[in-house]
Amino acid sequence: MSNPIFSRRVFTMGALASVGVTAACGNGVGSRGSQMIDARVDATLAEMYRQFPNTQSLAQKSTGMLIMPLVTEAGFGFGGAYGRGALRVDDISVDYYSVAKASGGLQIGAQQYAHVLFFMTEDALTNFRRSPGWAAGADLEYVISDQGDSVSADTTTVLAPVLAAVFGRAGLRIGATLEGTKYTRIIP
């Protein structure tokens, strides 16, 4: 019988190492500061609006948007994801964030993708900004499906405090979900 404390430590250390390796991958956002992040955020928004024009109306209705231009995710048993982006309120970058995710289980492969969180209520935006490390949960509503077909907006989606759009996937890994993803404010 294995020691459960040892197993948790091994899992935690493997997950942290995986996130560290993923962070070291050239995900395009280096230490050149806020100008580089803002340039990538602008390009990501332009591409999202071009591919999914209905997201423009979501952006106009939202109280703020967190734009993660490039998230690199990889896994081989243990997995992780990392990226950097900006929180925009009234089209102005007010804060910068990193995103990190650790996972374990039957997985292999790597992918990159962009995602945008639309904060549809002032409370949701305030809770996000006040949190020392906000974690995306299962209650997140997705407006662009895994296939990336189109923006879906029904009554459930319209009433959700936070909406997510995941798009621009490249790589060989199945699915991209934000569940269990942690966002932390950074100084670029």
Protein backbone atom coordinates (compact mmCIF):
# COMPACT_ATOMS: atom_id res chain seq x y z
CA MET A 1 0.00 0.00 0.00
CA SER A 2 1.46 3.38 -0.97
CA ASN A 3 1.81 6.33 1.35
CA PRO A 4 -0.97 8.88 0.49
CA ILE A 5 1.14 11.84 1.64
CA PHE A 6 4.03 10.74 -0.57
CA SER A 7 1.64 10.27 -3.53
CA ARG A 8 0.21 13.79 -3.08
CA ARG A 9 3.71 15.26 -2.87
CA VAL A 10 4.80 13.45 -6.01
CA PHE A 11 1.64 14.61 -7.81
CA THR A 12 2.08 18.23 -6.63
CA MET A 13 5.77 18.35 -7.51
CA GLY A 14 5.11 16.81 -10.93
CA ALA A 15 2.29 19.26 -11.64
CA LEU A 16 4.41 22.25 -10.58
CA ALA A 17 7.33 21.05 -12.69
CA SER A 18 5.00 20.63 -15.66
CA VAL A 19 3.67 24.18 -15.25
CA GLY A 20 7.26 25.44 -14.98
CA VAL A 21 8.28 23.62 -18.16
CA THR A 22 5.18 24.91 -19.93
CA ALA A 23 5.92 28.45 -18.77
CA ALA A 24 9.42 28.13 -20.19
CA CYS A 25 8.01 27.23 -23.61
CA GLY A 26 8.23 30.14 -25.97
CA ASN A 27 4.63 31.22 -25.66
CA GLY A 28 5.44 34.55 -27.27
CA VAL A 29 5.03 36.75 -24.24
CA GLY A 30 8.38 37.48 -22.67
CA SER A 31 9.66 40.01 -20.23
CA ARG A 32 9.38 42.99 -22.58
CA GLY A 33 6.62 44.32 -20.42
CA SER A 34 3.17 45.66 -20.90
CA GLN A 35 3.65 46.95 -24.48
CA MET A 36 4.26 43.41 -25.76
CA ILE A 37 1.25 42.04 -23.88
CA ASP A 38 -0.96 44.91 -25.11
CA ALA A 39 0.14 44.37 -28.73
CA ARG A 40 -0.75 40.67 -28.50
CA VAL A 41 -4.06 41.50 -26.79
CA ASP A 42 -4.94 43.92 -29.62
CA ALA A 43 -4.13 41.28 -32.25
CA THR A 44 -6.14 38.62 -30.38
CA LEU A 45 -9.21 40.86 -30.10
CA ALA A 46 -8.99 41.78 -33.80
CA GLU A 47 -8.83 38.08 -34.74
CA MET A 48 -11.72 37.14 -32.42
CA TYR A 49 -13.91 39.94 -33.80
CA ARG A 50 -13.01 38.89 -37.37
CA GLN A 51 -13.76 35.18 -36.81
CA PHE A 52 -16.73 35.66 -34.47
CA PRO A 53 -18.37 39.05 -35.17
CA ASN A 54 -21.06 38.48 -32.51
CA THR A 55 -18.39 38.76 -29.81
CA GLN A 56 -18.33 42.51 -30.47
CA SER A 57 -21.80 42.86 -28.93
CA LEU A 58 -20.68 40.78 -25.92
CA ALA A 59 -17.67 43.06 -25.51
CA GLN A 60 -19.90 46.14 -25.58
CA LYS A 61 -22.24 44.67 -22.95
CA SER A 62 -19.44 43.49 -20.65
CA THR A 63 -18.04 45.51 -17.75
CA GLY A 64 -14.55 44.18 -18.50
CA MET A 65 -12.66 41.52 -20.45
CA LEU A 66 -9.64 39.42 -19.59
CA ILE A 67 -7.77 38.63 -22.80
CA MET A 68 -5.20 35.82 -22.81
CA PRO A 69 -3.57 35.96 -26.26
CA LEU A 70 -1.61 32.73 -26.06
CA VAL A 71 -1.87 29.92 -23.54
CA THR A 72 0.49 26.97 -23.96
CA GLU A 73 -0.78 23.69 -22.52
CA ALA A 74 1.16 20.42 -22.45
CA GLY A 75 0.80 17.11 -20.72
CA PHE A 76 2.33 13.69 -20.46
CA GLY A 77 0.73 12.11 -17.41
CA PHE A 78 1.06 15.38 -15.55
CA GLY A 79 0.15 18.52 -17.42
CA GLY A 80 0.14 22.24 -17.14
CA ALA A 81 -0.70 25.46 -18.92
CA TYR A 82 0.67 28.98 -18.79
CA GLY A 83 0.08 32.33 -20.46
CA ARG A 84 -0.12 36.09 -19.85
CA GLY A 85 -2.69 38.70 -20.76
CA ALA A 86 -4.45 41.90 -19.82
CA LEU A 87 -7.68 42.93 -18.13
CA ARG A 88 -9.39 45.65 -20.12
CA VAL A 89 -12.10 47.96 -18.84
CA ASP A 90 -13.50 50.48 -21.33
CA ASP A 91 -10.83 49.36 -23.87
CA ILE A 92 -7.98 50.29 -21.48
CA SER A 93 -5.59 47.75 -19.94
CA VAL A 94 -6.02 48.22 -16.20
CA ASP A 95 -4.16 45.12 -14.92
CA TYR A 96 -2.03 42.28 -16.24
CA TYR A 97 -2.51 38.62 -15.35
CA SER A 98 -0.88 35.25 -15.72
CA VAL A 99 -2.86 32.08 -16.14
CA ALA A 100 -1.69 28.72 -14.82
CA LYS A 101 -3.23 25.29 -14.71
CA ALA A 102 -1.98 21.93 -13.46
CA SER A 103 -3.55 18.58 -14.23
CA GLY A 104 -2.87 14.91 -13.80
CA GLY A 105 -4.26 11.79 -15.37
CA LEU A 106 -4.33 10.08 -18.71
CA GLN A 107 -3.12 12.82 -21.07
CA ILE A 108 -0.53 13.36 -23.73
CA GLY A 109 0.12 16.17 -26.16
CA ALA A 110 0.40 19.93 -26.39
CA GLN A 111 -1.69 22.78 -27.70
CA GLN A 112 -1.87 26.53 -27.76
CA TYR A 113 -4.99 28.65 -27.73
CA ALA A 114 -6.33 32.09 -26.91
CA HIS A 115 -9.21 32.86 -24.61
CA VAL A 116 -11.25 35.83 -23.48
CA LEU A 117 -13.34 36.10 -20.32
CA PHE A 118 -16.25 38.53 -20.55
CA PHE A 119 -17.30 39.89 -17.15
CA MET A 120 -20.99 40.62 -17.65
CA THR A 121 -21.71 42.13 -14.21
CA GLU A 122 -19.91 44.68 -12.09
CA ASP A 123 -19.92 42.18 -9.17
CA ALA A 124 -18.16 39.52 -11.24
CA LEU A 125 -15.49 42.00 -12.33
CA THR A 126 -15.01 43.33 -8.79
CA ASN A 127 -14.72 39.81 -7.34
CA PHE A 128 -12.14 38.92 -9.97
CA ARG A 129 -10.03 42.04 -9.35
CA ARG A 130 -10.14 41.68 -5.55
CA SER A 131 -9.18 38.02 -5.57
CA PRO A 132 -5.52 37.20 -4.89
CA GLY A 133 -5.84 34.24 -7.27
CA TRP A 134 -9.15 33.75 -9.07
CA ALA A 135 -9.93 30.22 -10.25
CA ALA A 136 -12.25 29.47 -13.16
CA GLY A 137 -14.94 27.00 -12.12
CA ALA A 138 -17.51 24.73 -13.66
CA ASP A 139 -20.08 27.56 -13.64
CA LEU A 140 -18.25 29.34 -16.46
CA GLU A 141 -20.43 29.60 -19.58
CA TYR A 142 -18.72 29.08 -22.95
CA VAL A 143 -19.90 31.16 -25.90
CA ILE A 144 -17.66 29.52 -28.49
CA SER A 145 -17.80 25.75 -28.63
CA ASP A 146 -14.87 23.33 -28.81
CA GLN A 147 -15.32 23.20 -32.56
CA GLY A 148 -15.15 26.98 -32.70
CA ASP A 149 -18.26 27.19 -34.89
CA SER A 150 -20.11 30.26 -33.72
CA VAL A 151 -21.05 32.36 -30.78
CA SER A 152 -23.96 30.90 -28.89
CA ALA A 153 -26.08 33.15 -26.74
CA ASP A 154 -29.19 31.83 -25.08
CA THR A 155 -31.00 32.97 -21.95
CA THR A 156 -28.66 30.96 -19.69
CA THR A 157 -25.60 32.48 -21.32
CA VAL A 158 -26.97 36.03 -21.24
CA LEU A 159 -27.59 35.79 -17.47
CA ALA A 160 -24.17 34.30 -16.64
CA PRO A 161 -21.81 36.64 -14.76
CA VAL A 162 -18.71 35.41 -16.66
CA LEU A 163 -18.61 34.16 -20.25
CA ALA A 164 -15.63 32.49 -21.93
CA ALA A 165 -14.50 32.30 -25.54
CA VAL A 166 -11.73 29.79 -26.30
CA PHE A 167 -10.44 29.92 -29.89
CA GLY A 168 -7.40 29.75 -32.16
CA ARG A 169 -6.37 26.25 -31.10
CA ALA A 170 -3.25 24.69 -32.54
CA GLY A 171 -1.65 21.44 -31.47
CA LEU A 172 -2.37 17.82 -30.74
CA ARG A 173 -4.35 17.72 -27.52
CA ILE A 174 -8.07 17.10 -27.17
CA GLY A 175 -10.25 19.87 -25.76
CA ALA A 176 -9.50 23.12 -24.02
CA THR A 177 -11.39 23.88 -20.86
CA LEU A 178 -10.71 26.64 -18.39
CA GLU A 179 -11.99 24.70 -15.38
CA GLY A 180 -9.38 24.69 -12.62
CA THR A 181 -7.42 27.50 -14.26
CA LYS A 182 -5.98 30.09 -11.88
CA TYR A 183 -5.50 33.75 -12.78
CA THR A 184 -3.02 35.88 -10.84
CA ARG A 185 -2.26 39.59 -11.17
CA ILE A 186 1.32 40.26 -12.35
CA ILE A 187 3.60 43.22 -12.94
CA PRO A 188 4.95 42.81 -16.49
